C-alpha atoms as a PDB file:
ATOM      1  CA  UNK A   1      30.002  58.340 -14.988  1.00  0.00           C
ATOM      2  CA  UNK A   2      30.557  54.633 -14.448  1.00  0.00           C
ATOM      3  CA  UNK A   3      28.267  51.954 -15.859  1.00  0.00           C
ATOM      4  CA  UNK A   4      27.541  48.759 -13.952  1.00  0.00           C
ATOM      5  CA  UNK A   5      26.788  45.641 -15.917  1.00  0.00           C
ATOM      6  CA  UNK A   6      25.445  42.623 -14.281  1.00  0.00           C
ATOM      7  CA  UNK A   7      25.183  39.202 -15.943  1.00  0.00           C
ATOM      8  CA  UNK A   8      22.582  36.805 -14.613  1.00  0.00           C
ATOM      9  CA  UNK A   9      23.137  33.207 -15.319  1.00  0.00           C
ATOM     10  CA  UNK A  10      20.230  31.023 -14.458  1.00  0.00           C
ATOM     11  CA  UNK A  11      20.701  27.106 -14.354  1.00  0.00           C
ATOM     12  CA  UNK A  12      17.313  25.690 -14.978  1.00  0.00           C
ATOM     13  CA  UNK A  13      17.145  21.947 -15.658  1.00  0.00           C
ATOM     14  CA  UNK A  14      15.953  18.718 -14.226  1.00  0.00           C
ATOM     15  CA  UNK A  15      17.803  17.447 -11.214  1.00  0.00           C
ATOM     16  CA  UNK A  16      19.628  14.065 -11.397  1.00  0.00           C
ATOM     17  CA  UNK A  17      17.518  12.826  -8.553  1.00  0.00           C
ATOM     18  CA  UNK A  18      14.229  13.478 -10.519  1.00  0.00           C
ATOM     19  CA  UNK A  19      15.743  11.690 -13.633  1.00  0.00           C
ATOM     20  CA  UNK A  20      16.721   8.723 -11.369  1.00  0.00           C
ATOM     21  CA  UNK A  21      13.288   8.575  -9.661  1.00  0.00           C
ATOM     22  CA  UNK A  22      11.496   8.654 -13.014  1.00  0.00           C
ATOM     23  CA  UNK A  23      13.736   5.900 -14.333  1.00  0.00           C
ATOM     24  CA  UNK A  24      12.843   3.688 -11.427  1.00  0.00           C
ATOM     25  CA  UNK A  25       9.184   4.331 -11.780  1.00  0.00           C
ATOM     26  CA  UNK A  26       9.462   3.567 -15.534  1.00  0.00           C
ATOM     27  CA  UNK A  27      11.388   0.336 -14.980  1.00  0.00           C
ATOM     28  CA  UNK A  28       8.957  -0.891 -12.315  1.00  0.00           C
ATOM     29  CA  UNK A  29       5.908   0.039 -14.486  1.00  0.00           C
ATOM     30  CA  UNK A  30       7.493  -1.752 -17.492  1.00  0.00           C
ATOM     31  CA  UNK A  31       7.959  -4.878 -15.396  1.00  0.00           C
ATOM     32  CA  UNK A  32       4.593  -4.762 -13.948  1.00  0.00           C
ATOM     33  CA  UNK A  33       2.775  -4.346 -17.262  1.00  0.00           C
ATOM     34  CA  UNK A  34       4.977  -6.309 -19.510  1.00  0.00           C
ATOM     35  CA  UNK A  35       6.694  -9.095 -17.672  1.00  0.00           C
ATOM     36  CA  UNK A  36       4.878  -9.786 -14.346  1.00  0.00           C
ATOM     37  CA  UNK A  37       3.317 -13.157 -14.260  1.00  0.00           C
ATOM     38  CA  UNK A  38       2.597 -13.173 -10.639  1.00  0.00           C
ATOM     39  CA  UNK A  39       5.974 -12.271  -9.318  1.00  0.00           C
ATOM     40  CA  UNK A  40       5.026  -9.030  -7.493  1.00  0.00           C
ATOM     41  CA  UNK A  41       1.980 -10.471  -5.636  1.00  0.00           C
ATOM     42  CA  UNK A  42       3.931 -13.794  -4.893  1.00  0.00           C
ATOM     43  CA  UNK A  43       5.587 -11.893  -2.082  1.00  0.00           C
ATOM     44  CA  UNK A  44       2.201 -11.619  -0.362  1.00  0.00           C
ATOM     45  CA  UNK A  45       0.096 -14.504  -1.710  1.00  0.00           C
ATOM     46  CA  UNK A  46       2.769 -17.177  -2.244  1.00  0.00           C
ATOM     47  CA  UNK A  47       2.469 -19.710  -5.025  1.00  0.00           C
ATOM     48  CA  UNK A  48      -1.265 -18.895  -5.590  1.00  0.00           C
ATOM     49  CA  UNK A  49      -0.258 -15.511  -7.204  1.00  0.00           C
ATOM     50  CA  UNK A  50       1.307 -17.360 -10.130  1.00  0.00           C
ATOM     51  CA  UNK A  51      -2.079 -19.026 -11.042  1.00  0.00           C
ATOM     52  CA  UNK A  52      -4.252 -15.914 -10.295  1.00  0.00           C
ATOM     53  CA  UNK A  53      -2.246 -13.350 -12.307  1.00  0.00           C
ATOM     54  CA  UNK A  54      -3.860 -10.321 -10.833  1.00  0.00           C
ATOM     55  CA  UNK A  55      -1.620  -7.700 -12.408  1.00  0.00           C
ATOM     56  CA  UNK A  56      -1.685  -9.479 -15.753  1.00  0.00           C
ATOM     57  CA  UNK A  57      -5.505  -9.299 -15.794  1.00  0.00           C
ATOM     58  CA  UNK A  58      -5.673  -5.712 -14.580  1.00  0.00           C
ATOM     59  CA  UNK A  59      -3.150  -4.619 -17.289  1.00  0.00           C
ATOM     60  CA  UNK A  60      -4.230  -6.960 -20.026  1.00  0.00           C
ATOM     61  CA  UNK A  61      -5.242  -4.433 -22.546  1.00  0.00           C
ATOM     62  CA  UNK A  62      -2.252  -2.282 -21.766  1.00  0.00           C
ATOM     63  CA  UNK A  63       0.006  -5.318 -22.532  1.00  0.00           C
ATOM     64  CA  UNK A  64      -1.503  -5.588 -25.949  1.00  0.00           C
ATOM     65  CA  UNK A  65      -1.251  -1.954 -26.739  1.00  0.00           C
ATOM     66  CA  UNK A  66       2.329  -1.972 -25.662  1.00  0.00           C
ATOM     67  CA  UNK A  67       3.078  -4.887 -27.955  1.00  0.00           C
ATOM     68  CA  UNK A  68       3.598  -7.612 -25.368  1.00  0.00           C
ATOM     69  CA  UNK A  69       2.185 -10.974 -26.401  1.00  0.00           C
ATOM     70  CA  UNK A  70       0.493 -12.667 -23.356  1.00  0.00           C
ATOM     71  CA  UNK A  71      -1.576 -15.582 -24.890  1.00  0.00           C
END
């Protein structure tokens, strides 16, 4: 009587594409919350975006919680 042995190897992990996508989302989010002073909206609104600071005001409390000084 012969015995058959089967070995199953499963490769479960996070794909490199998913890691890259999350890294890009993190980098853009960090820039938007921490460093943006009107740069993102200046593409649409022009120079007026630098004085209005829409993203700065929307993420104001998050900036302080993350340790970014803003005033």
